Protein backbone atom coordinates (compact mmCIF):
# COMPACT_ATOMS: atom_id res chain seq x y z
CA UNK A 1 -15.81 20.49 23.17
CA UNK A 2 -14.61 17.02 24.71
CA UNK A 3 -16.73 13.98 25.30
CA UNK A 4 -17.00 14.44 29.01
CA UNK A 5 -19.41 17.40 28.24
CA UNK A 6 -21.75 15.33 25.90
CA UNK A 7 -25.05 14.43 27.10
CA UNK A 8 -26.62 10.96 26.41
CA UNK A 9 -28.09 10.28 22.90
CA UNK A 10 -25.53 12.58 21.60
CA UNK A 11 -23.96 11.81 18.19
CA UNK A 12 -20.39 13.26 17.54
CA UNK A 13 -17.57 12.96 15.46
CA UNK A 14 -14.00 12.49 17.04
CA UNK A 15 -11.60 15.53 16.25
CA UNK A 16 -8.54 14.47 18.40
CA UNK A 17 -7.59 11.97 21.04
CA UNK A 18 -4.81 13.07 23.37
CA UNK A 19 -4.16 9.96 25.37
CA UNK A 20 -0.59 8.80 25.33
CA UNK A 21 0.96 5.22 25.37
CA UNK A 22 -0.83 2.01 25.50
CA UNK A 23 -4.25 3.65 26.62
CA UNK A 24 -4.19 5.59 23.45
CA UNK A 25 -3.33 2.71 21.43
CA UNK A 26 -6.14 0.88 22.93
CA UNK A 27 -8.63 3.49 22.41
CA UNK A 28 -7.54 3.67 18.62
CA UNK A 29 -8.09 -0.17 18.54
CA UNK A 30 -11.66 0.27 19.84
CA UNK A 31 -12.41 2.70 17.21
CA UNK A 32 -11.99 5.99 18.96
CA UNK A 33 -9.83 7.63 16.70
CA UNK A 34 -9.96 11.05 14.54
CA UNK A 35 -12.98 11.03 12.22
CA UNK A 36 -14.98 8.33 14.01
CA UNK A 37 -18.81 8.80 14.42
CA UNK A 38 -19.77 7.98 18.12
CA UNK A 39 -22.76 8.02 19.92
CA UNK A 40 -22.90 8.81 23.56
CA UNK A 41 -25.45 6.48 25.08
CA UNK A 42 -25.10 7.02 28.72
CA UNK A 43 -24.03 9.69 31.01
CA UNK A 44 -22.94 8.20 34.09
CA UNK A 45 -22.01 11.59 35.65
CA UNK A 46 -18.82 11.74 37.42
CA UNK A 47 -17.68 8.29 36.28
CA UNK A 48 -17.73 9.24 32.42
CA UNK A 49 -19.62 8.02 29.49
CA UNK A 50 -20.84 4.65 27.84
CA UNK A 51 -20.17 5.13 23.92
CA UNK A 52 -21.25 3.15 20.98
CA UNK A 53 -18.87 2.81 18.00
CA UNK A 54 -20.68 0.76 15.48
CA UNK A 55 -22.36 -2.21 17.18
CA UNK A 56 -19.87 -2.16 20.03
CA UNK A 57 -20.55 -0.35 23.41
CA UNK A 58 -17.87 0.55 26.04
CA UNK A 59 -17.32 2.84 28.91
CA UNK A 60 -14.86 5.56 29.05
CA UNK A 61 -13.84 6.98 32.27
CA UNK A 62 -14.13 10.65 32.78
CA UNK A 63 -10.40 11.87 32.83
CA UNK A 64 -10.28 10.16 29.41
CA UNK A 65 -13.21 11.52 28.06
CA UNK A 66 -11.72 15.01 28.89
CA UNK A 67 -8.76 14.19 26.55
CA UNK A 68 -11.19 13.55 23.59
CA UNK A 69 -12.13 16.37 21.54
CA UNK A 70 -15.45 16.03 19.43
CA UNK A 71 -17.57 18.11 17.43
CA UNK A 72 -21.60 17.54 17.01
CA UNK A 73 -22.32 15.08 13.97
CA UNK A 74 -24.28 16.77 11.29
């Protein structure tokens, strides 16, 4: 499943991030990397998702969300 398909208040573990170049590096700097636990805090429909990584929250656009593979956190 990808991050774009996750509803609000879902906790997921990132499995893979298929975003090349500087954008991929920036996502890793923000904590969106394989193994990270993330909470989807808001579903902003066509625009993407707001995610929480630890105490930080930020928006991720829908095309980028589709390139982040996740699994439901246990």
